[in-house]
Amino acid sequence: MIKIAFFDVDGTLLPLKQLELNPPVLEALLQLQKNGVKLFLASGRPKFVLPQFKGIEFDGALSFNGQLCFDQERTLFENALHPQDVLQVFENSKRINKAVVACQPGRFASNYRDDVLMDYFQAASQRYELVDDFVGFLQEESIYEMMCAISPEEEHRLLDDTKNVQVVRWWPYACDLIPANGGKGIGVQEVLKAYGISKEEAISFGDGGNDIDMLQATGISVAMGNALEKVKEVATYTTTTVEENGVVDALRHFGLI
């Protein structure tokens, strides 16, 4: 019996640049929740820009690709980047002349404007600010995630001399940097542990490379029809695309609604 469901946002619940759920998806989620299943968002987005959908309230979320997990009452898990690694990634980015965005719990900022990064954020209807004292910003509060517009072939250069950093991505032109011992999969495991729910009682939905470990952390896993091939390869089931309301089709396929 499924007790909890984890949903990636962009490309899974929402087509890119769309802000509201399609009515069939909203209706299906409400039915799933009525059936006693907890609903969790699982996103690379920071907590403060997670979407608030009209007509439904999710039970909790994995933000920063699983580095900060919470429900309506408490923080369930947090895993920030080590301050030394944050500064090292910044030094590496300067060496190859790439802008980076760093994410604090309540804001994110960059050292300079990068058009590709701007497109990256706009794809999820987000914006970041530019700050003059970027090093000071990096040292103000915990940094849970960093972003950089860089190709898969070059991304390893951001990791030089870091101790505990990995690259994940859902978009080919930019990447997210999170703790090497983190990710959506770890976030799912910690949430399940907090509720005493087994892997077999959980289902997850995703489309991007940063969703793979999440899909592997639940008993049933669903890849969207628009997902990367490597995502489809690890999923229990591949549904239709996000534009075709693939979440609804999958929930019906498994008899959950």
Protein backbone atom coordinates (compact mmCIF):
# COMPACT_ATOMS: atom_id res chain seq x y z
CA MET A 1 0.00 0.00 0.00
CA ILE A 2 1.42 3.37 -1.03
CA LYS A 3 1.57 5.89 1.82
CA ILE A 4 3.69 8.70 0.34
CA ALA A 5 4.37 10.16 -3.13
CA PHE A 6 7.29 12.36 -4.21
CA PHE A 7 6.93 14.62 -7.25
CA ASP A 8 9.59 16.54 -9.13
CA VAL A 9 8.20 19.91 -10.22
CA ASP A 10 9.58 21.24 -13.51
CA GLY A 11 8.99 18.79 -16.34
CA THR A 12 6.95 16.46 -14.11
CA LEU A 13 4.09 18.32 -12.42
CA LEU A 14 4.53 21.44 -14.53
CA PRO A 15 5.58 22.05 -18.13
CA LEU A 16 8.54 24.45 -18.13
CA LYS A 17 7.56 28.08 -17.47
CA GLN A 18 4.03 27.08 -16.42
CA LEU A 19 2.95 28.23 -12.95
CA GLU A 20 -0.28 26.34 -12.24
CA LEU A 21 -1.19 22.66 -12.33
CA ASN A 22 -3.29 21.43 -15.22
CA PRO A 23 -6.83 20.71 -13.87
CA PRO A 24 -6.61 16.90 -14.40
CA VAL A 25 -3.33 16.80 -12.44
CA LEU A 26 -4.79 18.89 -9.61
CA GLU A 27 -7.85 16.64 -9.42
CA ALA A 28 -5.70 13.49 -9.36
CA LEU A 29 -3.46 14.84 -6.59
CA LEU A 30 -6.46 15.80 -4.48
CA GLN A 31 -7.89 12.29 -4.92
CA LEU A 32 -4.54 10.74 -3.99
CA GLN A 33 -4.38 12.88 -0.85
CA LYS A 34 -8.00 12.00 -0.01
CA ASN A 35 -6.97 8.35 -0.23
CA GLY A 36 -4.50 8.94 2.60
CA VAL A 37 -1.28 9.35 0.62
CA LYS A 38 1.13 12.09 1.76
CA LEU A 39 2.21 14.39 -1.09
CA PHE A 40 5.76 15.76 -1.20
CA LEU A 41 7.36 18.05 -3.74
CA ALA A 42 10.95 17.12 -4.64
CA SER A 43 12.72 19.98 -6.35
CA GLY A 44 16.05 21.63 -6.96
CA ARG A 45 14.34 24.87 -6.05
CA PRO A 46 15.07 26.59 -2.73
CA LYS A 47 12.38 26.37 -0.06
CA PHE A 48 11.36 29.99 -0.46
CA VAL A 49 10.50 29.66 -4.17
CA LEU A 50 8.74 26.31 -4.10
CA PRO A 51 5.40 26.71 -5.89
CA GLN A 52 2.20 27.25 -3.97
CA PHE A 53 -0.58 25.76 -6.08
CA LYS A 54 -4.17 26.98 -5.95
CA GLY A 55 -6.55 24.39 -4.59
CA ILE A 56 -4.06 22.05 -2.91
CA GLU A 57 -1.53 22.06 -0.07
CA PHE A 58 1.30 19.56 -0.20
CA ASP A 59 2.25 17.78 3.02
CA GLY A 60 5.93 18.64 2.68
CA ALA A 61 8.86 19.07 0.33
CA LEU A 62 12.44 18.22 -0.52
CA SER A 63 14.10 21.48 -1.52
CA PHE A 64 17.63 22.15 -2.82
CA ASN A 65 17.63 18.68 -4.46
CA GLY A 66 16.95 17.04 -1.10
CA GLN A 67 19.32 19.10 1.05
CA LEU A 68 16.52 20.68 3.10
CA CYS A 69 13.44 18.51 3.73
CA PHE A 70 10.44 19.59 5.76
CA ASP A 71 6.74 19.09 6.37
CA GLN A 72 4.11 21.50 7.65
CA GLU A 73 5.42 21.30 11.22
CA ARG A 74 9.19 20.68 11.24
CA THR A 75 12.46 20.29 9.42
CA LEU A 76 13.01 16.60 8.69
CA PHE A 77 16.55 16.73 7.27
CA GLU A 78 19.19 19.27 6.28
CA ASN A 79 22.57 18.89 4.62
CA ALA A 80 24.41 22.09 3.63
CA LEU A 81 27.59 22.37 1.58
CA HIS A 82 30.76 22.68 3.67
CA PRO A 83 31.89 26.35 3.79
CA GLN A 84 35.36 25.42 2.51
CA ASP A 85 33.84 23.63 -0.49
CA VAL A 86 31.61 26.63 -1.22
CA LEU A 87 34.62 28.94 -1.42
CA GLN A 88 36.59 26.41 -3.47
CA VAL A 89 33.80 26.08 -6.04
CA PHE A 90 33.75 29.87 -6.32
CA GLU A 91 37.52 29.97 -6.83
CA ASN A 92 37.24 27.26 -9.49
CA SER A 93 34.48 29.16 -11.26
CA LYS A 94 36.58 32.32 -11.36
CA ARG A 95 39.49 30.36 -12.84
CA ILE A 96 37.35 29.29 -15.81
CA ASN A 97 35.45 32.60 -15.99
CA LYS A 98 32.04 31.20 -15.08
CA ALA A 99 29.39 32.86 -12.94
CA VAL A 100 27.90 30.86 -10.07
CA VAL A 101 24.69 31.26 -8.09
CA ALA A 102 24.70 30.31 -4.41
CA CYS A 103 21.55 29.45 -2.44
CA GLN A 104 20.98 30.41 1.19
CA PRO A 105 17.79 29.29 2.98
CA GLY A 106 16.04 32.55 2.13
CA ARG A 107 17.74 34.01 -0.96
CA PHE A 108 20.10 33.28 -3.79
CA ALA A 109 22.67 35.49 -5.47
CA SER A 110 25.47 35.55 -8.03
CA ASN A 111 28.75 37.35 -8.55
CA TYR A 112 27.78 38.56 -12.03
CA ARG A 113 25.13 38.24 -14.73
CA ASP A 114 25.19 35.23 -17.00
CA ASP A 115 22.59 34.99 -19.77
CA VAL A 116 22.47 31.20 -19.72
CA LEU A 117 21.96 31.19 -15.95
CA MET A 118 19.20 33.74 -16.41
CA ASP A 119 17.51 31.39 -18.88
CA TYR A 120 18.02 28.51 -16.43
CA PHE A 121 16.18 30.37 -13.70
CA GLN A 122 13.47 31.70 -15.99
CA ALA A 123 12.68 28.13 -17.10
CA ALA A 124 11.47 27.59 -13.53
CA SER A 125 10.00 31.13 -13.26
CA GLN A 126 12.72 32.25 -10.85
CA ARG A 127 15.23 35.09 -10.56
CA TYR A 128 18.48 35.65 -8.71
CA GLU A 129 20.10 38.83 -7.46
CA LEU A 130 23.58 40.20 -8.08
CA VAL A 131 25.67 41.14 -5.03
CA ASP A 132 28.88 43.17 -4.89
CA ASP A 133 30.37 41.33 -1.91
CA PHE A 134 29.78 37.79 -3.12
CA VAL A 135 32.36 36.23 -0.81
CA GLY A 136 30.60 37.92 2.10
CA PHE A 137 27.30 36.49 0.88
CA LEU A 138 28.83 33.01 0.76
CA GLN A 139 29.88 33.32 4.39
CA GLU A 140 26.68 34.86 5.82
CA GLU A 141 24.58 31.69 6.11
CA SER A 142 24.64 28.03 5.13
CA ILE A 143 24.77 27.38 1.38
CA TYR A 144 22.70 24.37 0.34
CA GLU A 145 23.25 24.47 -3.40
CA MET A 146 25.19 26.29 -6.13
CA MET A 147 24.46 26.59 -9.85
CA CYS A 148 26.68 27.21 -12.86
CA ALA A 149 26.09 27.47 -16.62
CA ILE A 150 28.60 24.91 -17.84
CA SER A 151 28.62 21.94 -20.20
CA PRO A 152 28.69 18.33 -18.96
CA GLU A 153 32.16 18.00 -20.47
CA GLU A 154 33.55 20.89 -18.41
CA GLU A 155 31.63 20.49 -15.15
CA HIS A 156 34.44 18.48 -13.50
CA ARG A 157 36.54 21.65 -13.40
CA LEU A 158 34.21 23.07 -10.75
CA LEU A 159 35.09 20.17 -8.42
CA ASP A 160 38.88 20.65 -8.32
CA ASP A 161 40.17 20.47 -4.72
CA THR A 162 36.69 20.13 -3.22
CA LYS A 163 36.05 17.51 -0.51
CA ASN A 164 32.33 16.74 -0.64
CA VAL A 165 30.63 18.12 -3.76
CA GLN A 166 28.79 16.49 -6.66
CA VAL A 167 27.22 17.80 -9.84
CA VAL A 168 23.59 17.04 -10.71
CA ARG A 169 21.58 18.44 -13.59
CA TRP A 170 18.12 18.48 -15.13
CA TRP A 171 19.04 20.89 -17.97
CA PRO A 172 21.87 20.38 -20.50
CA TYR A 173 23.26 23.92 -20.29
CA ALA A 174 23.61 24.40 -16.53
CA CYS A 175 24.13 22.29 -13.43
CA ASP A 176 23.52 22.23 -9.68
CA LEU A 177 26.24 21.54 -7.12
CA ILE A 178 25.25 19.81 -3.88
CA PRO A 179 27.00 17.73 -1.19
CA ALA A 180 28.44 14.46 -2.55
CA ASN A 181 26.62 12.65 0.27
CA GLY A 182 23.32 14.29 -0.66
CA GLY A 183 20.68 14.30 -3.38
CA LYS A 184 16.97 13.72 -3.73
CA GLY A 185 17.45 10.01 -2.98
CA ILE A 186 19.00 10.74 0.42
CA GLY A 187 16.24 13.24 1.09
CA VAL A 188 13.60 10.61 0.32
CA GLN A 189 15.32 8.11 2.61
CA GLU A 190 15.40 10.62 5.47
CA VAL A 191 11.74 11.55 5.02
CA LEU A 192 10.73 7.88 4.97
CA LYS A 193 12.79 7.32 8.13
CA ALA A 194 11.12 10.28 9.87
CA TYR A 195 7.65 8.85 9.18
CA GLY A 196 8.47 5.17 9.62
CA ILE A 197 7.43 4.43 6.04
CA SER A 198 9.17 1.70 4.05
CA LYS A 199 10.65 2.08 0.56
CA GLU A 200 7.97 -0.28 -0.75
CA GLU A 201 5.25 2.09 0.49
CA ALA A 202 6.57 5.04 -1.55
CA ILE A 203 6.24 6.18 -5.16
CA SER A 204 8.22 8.88 -6.98
CA PHE A 205 7.90 10.79 -10.27
CA GLY A 206 10.65 12.54 -12.24
CA ASP A 207 12.14 13.47 -15.59
CA GLY A 208 15.69 14.79 -15.07
CA GLY A 209 19.08 13.39 -14.19
CA ASN A 210 18.78 14.80 -10.67
CA ASP A 211 15.71 12.57 -10.17
CA ILE A 212 17.47 9.23 -10.75
CA ASP A 213 18.53 8.56 -7.16
CA MET A 214 15.03 9.55 -5.97
CA LEU A 215 13.44 7.03 -8.34
CA GLN A 216 15.81 4.38 -7.01
CA ALA A 217 14.83 5.20 -3.42
CA THR A 218 11.15 4.28 -3.78
CA GLY A 219 9.42 0.97 -4.40
CA ILE A 220 7.55 2.31 -7.42
CA SER A 221 9.16 4.90 -9.69
CA VAL A 222 7.69 6.74 -12.66
CA ALA A 223 9.60 8.43 -15.48
CA MET A 224 7.73 11.01 -17.52
CA GLY A 225 7.40 10.48 -21.26
CA ASN A 226 9.59 13.56 -21.72
CA ALA A 227 12.28 12.21 -19.35
CA LEU A 228 15.88 11.58 -20.31
CA GLU A 229 16.52 8.03 -21.51
CA LYS A 230 18.77 7.31 -18.52
CA VAL A 231 15.87 8.25 -16.23
CA LYS A 232 13.49 5.92 -18.06
CA GLU A 233 16.02 3.09 -17.70
CA VAL A 234 15.84 3.12 -13.88
CA ALA A 235 12.09 3.67 -13.55
CA THR A 236 9.47 1.04 -12.81
CA TYR A 237 7.16 2.62 -15.37
CA THR A 238 7.32 5.27 -18.09
CA THR A 239 4.17 7.33 -18.45
CA THR A 240 3.09 9.95 -20.97
CA THR A 241 4.61 13.44 -21.13
CA VAL A 242 4.05 16.29 -18.71
CA GLU A 243 2.01 18.10 -21.37
CA GLU A 244 -0.19 15.00 -21.61
CA ASN A 245 -0.69 14.91 -17.81
CA GLY A 246 1.52 11.86 -17.41
CA VAL A 247 1.23 11.94 -13.61
CA VAL A 248 -2.50 11.20 -13.93
CA ASP A 249 -1.93 8.31 -16.33
CA ALA A 250 0.63 6.73 -13.99
CA LEU A 251 -1.57 7.05 -10.90
CA ARG A 252 -4.35 5.32 -12.78
CA HIS A 253 -1.98 2.65 -14.08
CA PHE A 254 -1.01 1.69 -10.53
CA GLY A 255 -4.60 1.89 -9.26
CA LEU A 256 -3.87 4.74 -6.85
CA ILE A 257 -6.77 6.89 -8.03
